[in-house]
Amino acid sequence: MDQDKFNMSIRKFLKEVGVTSQQRIEQAVRDAGLDEGRIRLRVRLTADGLGLDHVVEGTIELD
């Protein structure tokens, strides 16, 4: 395995996940008309053939 190529591929994927996730969250908040409070979020990362099932949970403050 080319470790550098693997690392760059992971970084590219995670950048896309981060950017598109932020856009979706912002749009959902606007569509819901929210401007205060908290939003609980959960992200699940799975990988076919690897047995990977990783969950990240967090809170975003709106005010």
N, C-alpha and C. Protein backbone atom coordinates (compact mmCIF):
# COMPACT_ATOMS: atom_id res chain seq x y z
N MET A 1 0.85 -1.18 0.00
CA MET A 1 0.00 0.00 0.00
C MET A 1 0.90 1.24 0.00
N ASP A 2 0.51 2.22 -0.80
CA ASP A 2 1.20 3.50 -0.82
C ASP A 2 0.60 4.36 0.28
N GLN A 3 1.31 4.48 1.39
CA GLN A 3 0.80 5.17 2.58
C GLN A 3 0.45 6.63 2.30
N ASP A 4 1.28 7.32 1.52
CA ASP A 4 1.01 8.72 1.21
C ASP A 4 -0.27 8.88 0.38
N LYS A 5 -0.43 8.02 -0.61
CA LYS A 5 -1.62 8.07 -1.46
C LYS A 5 -2.87 7.74 -0.64
N PHE A 6 -2.76 6.75 0.23
CA PHE A 6 -3.86 6.36 1.12
C PHE A 6 -4.26 7.52 2.02
N ASN A 7 -3.27 8.16 2.64
CA ASN A 7 -3.50 9.28 3.54
C ASN A 7 -4.19 10.43 2.81
N MET A 8 -3.71 10.77 1.61
CA MET A 8 -4.30 11.86 0.84
C MET A 8 -5.73 11.53 0.42
N SER A 9 -5.99 10.28 0.10
CA SER A 9 -7.33 9.86 -0.28
C SER A 9 -8.29 9.99 0.90
N ILE A 10 -7.85 9.61 2.08
CA ILE A 10 -8.67 9.76 3.29
C ILE A 10 -8.94 11.23 3.54
N ARG A 11 -7.92 12.07 3.46
CA ARG A 11 -8.09 13.51 3.71
C ARG A 11 -9.07 14.13 2.72
N LYS A 12 -8.99 13.73 1.46
CA LYS A 12 -9.90 14.25 0.44
C LYS A 12 -11.34 13.86 0.78
N PHE A 13 -11.55 12.61 1.16
CA PHE A 13 -12.88 12.13 1.53
C PHE A 13 -13.40 12.90 2.74
N LEU A 14 -12.57 13.05 3.78
CA LEU A 14 -13.01 13.74 4.99
C LEU A 14 -13.30 15.21 4.74
N LYS A 15 -12.54 15.84 3.85
CA LYS A 15 -12.81 17.23 3.50
C LYS A 15 -14.19 17.35 2.84
N GLU A 16 -14.49 16.45 1.92
CA GLU A 16 -15.80 16.45 1.27
C GLU A 16 -16.92 16.23 2.28
N VAL A 17 -16.71 15.29 3.20
CA VAL A 17 -17.70 15.03 4.25
C VAL A 17 -17.92 16.28 5.09
N GLY A 18 -16.84 16.92 5.50
CA GLY A 18 -16.95 18.11 6.34
C GLY A 18 -17.66 19.26 5.65
N VAL A 19 -17.27 19.55 4.42
CA VAL A 19 -17.86 20.67 3.69
C VAL A 19 -19.33 20.42 3.40
N THR A 20 -19.66 19.25 2.87
CA THR A 20 -21.05 18.98 2.52
C THR A 20 -21.93 18.85 3.77
N SER A 21 -21.39 18.31 4.85
CA SER A 21 -22.17 18.20 6.09
C SER A 21 -22.48 19.58 6.64
N GLN A 22 -21.51 20.48 6.63
CA GLN A 22 -21.75 21.84 7.12
C GLN A 22 -22.84 22.52 6.29
N GLN A 23 -22.77 22.37 4.98
CA GLN A 23 -23.78 22.98 4.11
C GLN A 23 -25.17 22.43 4.40
N ARG A 24 -25.27 21.13 4.59
CA ARG A 24 -26.57 20.51 4.88
C ARG A 24 -27.13 20.95 6.23
N ILE A 25 -26.26 21.05 7.23
CA ILE A 25 -26.71 21.49 8.56
C ILE A 25 -27.19 22.93 8.49
N GLU A 26 -26.41 23.79 7.85
CA GLU A 26 -26.80 25.20 7.73
C GLU A 26 -28.14 25.34 7.02
N GLN A 27 -28.34 24.59 5.94
CA GLN A 27 -29.59 24.66 5.20
C GLN A 27 -30.76 24.16 6.05
N ALA A 28 -30.56 23.07 6.77
CA ALA A 28 -31.62 22.52 7.62
C ALA A 28 -32.00 23.50 8.72
N VAL A 29 -31.02 24.19 9.30
CA VAL A 29 -31.30 25.18 10.34
C VAL A 29 -32.10 26.35 9.74
N ARG A 30 -31.68 26.82 8.56
CA ARG A 30 -32.42 27.91 7.90
C ARG A 30 -33.85 27.47 7.57
N ASP A 31 -33.99 26.27 7.01
CA ASP A 31 -35.32 25.77 6.63
C ASP A 31 -36.24 25.62 7.85
N ALA A 32 -35.65 25.29 9.00
CA ALA A 32 -36.43 25.12 10.22
C ALA A 32 -36.70 26.46 10.91
N GLY A 33 -36.06 27.53 10.44
CA GLY A 33 -36.26 28.85 11.03
C GLY A 33 -35.69 28.98 12.42
N LEU A 34 -34.68 28.19 12.73
CA LEU A 34 -34.08 28.24 14.06
C LEU A 34 -33.02 29.34 14.14
N ASP A 35 -32.98 30.02 15.29
CA ASP A 35 -31.92 31.00 15.49
C ASP A 35 -31.39 30.99 16.93
N GLU A 36 -31.88 30.05 17.71
CA GLU A 36 -31.38 29.89 19.07
C GLU A 36 -31.56 28.45 19.52
N GLY A 37 -30.86 28.12 20.60
CA GLY A 37 -30.97 26.77 21.15
C GLY A 37 -29.81 25.88 20.76
N ARG A 38 -30.05 24.61 20.83
CA ARG A 38 -29.02 23.60 20.54
C ARG A 38 -29.57 22.57 19.56
N ILE A 39 -28.66 22.01 18.82
CA ILE A 39 -29.02 20.92 17.91
C ILE A 39 -28.13 19.73 18.25
N ARG A 40 -28.76 18.60 18.53
CA ARG A 40 -28.00 17.37 18.77
C ARG A 40 -27.80 16.68 17.43
N LEU A 41 -26.56 16.28 17.17
CA LEU A 41 -26.23 15.63 15.92
C LEU A 41 -25.58 14.27 16.16
N ARG A 42 -25.75 13.40 15.18
CA ARG A 42 -25.08 12.10 15.22
C ARG A 42 -24.66 11.76 13.80
N VAL A 43 -23.44 11.32 13.67
CA VAL A 43 -22.91 10.89 12.38
C VAL A 43 -22.45 9.45 12.51
N ARG A 44 -22.81 8.63 11.54
CA ARG A 44 -22.37 7.23 11.53
C ARG A 44 -21.50 7.00 10.31
N LEU A 45 -20.31 6.47 10.55
CA LEU A 45 -19.37 6.15 9.48
C LEU A 45 -19.27 4.64 9.37
N THR A 46 -19.57 4.12 8.19
CA THR A 46 -19.44 2.69 7.95
C THR A 46 -18.57 2.49 6.73
N ALA A 47 -17.98 1.33 6.65
CA ALA A 47 -17.14 0.99 5.49
C ALA A 47 -17.42 -0.44 5.09
N ASP A 48 -17.92 -0.60 3.88
CA ASP A 48 -18.21 -1.94 3.36
C ASP A 48 -16.96 -2.81 3.40
N GLY A 49 -17.10 -4.00 3.90
CA GLY A 49 -16.02 -4.97 3.90
C GLY A 49 -14.99 -4.81 5.00
N LEU A 50 -15.12 -3.77 5.83
CA LEU A 50 -14.14 -3.55 6.90
C LEU A 50 -14.71 -3.80 8.29
N GLY A 51 -16.01 -3.90 8.40
CA GLY A 51 -16.61 -4.05 9.72
C GLY A 51 -16.54 -2.76 10.53
N LEU A 52 -16.36 -1.64 9.86
CA LEU A 52 -16.27 -0.34 10.53
C LEU A 52 -17.67 0.22 10.75
N ASP A 53 -17.97 0.57 11.98
CA ASP A 53 -19.23 1.23 12.34
C ASP A 53 -18.91 2.18 13.48
N HIS A 54 -18.64 3.44 13.13
CA HIS A 54 -18.17 4.44 14.09
C HIS A 54 -19.21 5.55 14.19
N VAL A 55 -19.62 5.89 15.41
CA VAL A 55 -20.64 6.93 15.63
C VAL A 55 -20.00 8.08 16.40
N VAL A 56 -20.26 9.29 15.90
CA VAL A 56 -19.82 10.51 16.58
C VAL A 56 -21.07 11.31 16.90
N GLU A 57 -21.20 11.73 18.16
CA GLU A 57 -22.35 12.53 18.58
C GLU A 57 -21.85 13.86 19.13
N GLY A 58 -22.65 14.90 18.95
CA GLY A 58 -22.26 16.20 19.45
C GLY A 58 -23.43 17.15 19.45
N THR A 59 -23.14 18.36 19.93
CA THR A 59 -24.15 19.41 20.02
C THR A 59 -23.61 20.67 19.36
N ILE A 60 -24.47 21.34 18.62
CA ILE A 60 -24.12 22.63 18.02
C ILE A 60 -24.97 23.68 18.71
N GLU A 61 -24.33 24.73 19.19
CA GLU A 61 -25.01 25.85 19.83
C GLU A 61 -25.38 26.88 18.77
N LEU A 62 -26.61 27.33 18.78
CA LEU A 62 -27.07 28.33 17.81
C LEU A 62 -26.97 29.76 18.34
N ASP A 63 -26.89 29.91 19.63
CA ASP A 63 -26.82 31.28 20.17
C ASP A 63 -25.70 31.41 21.14
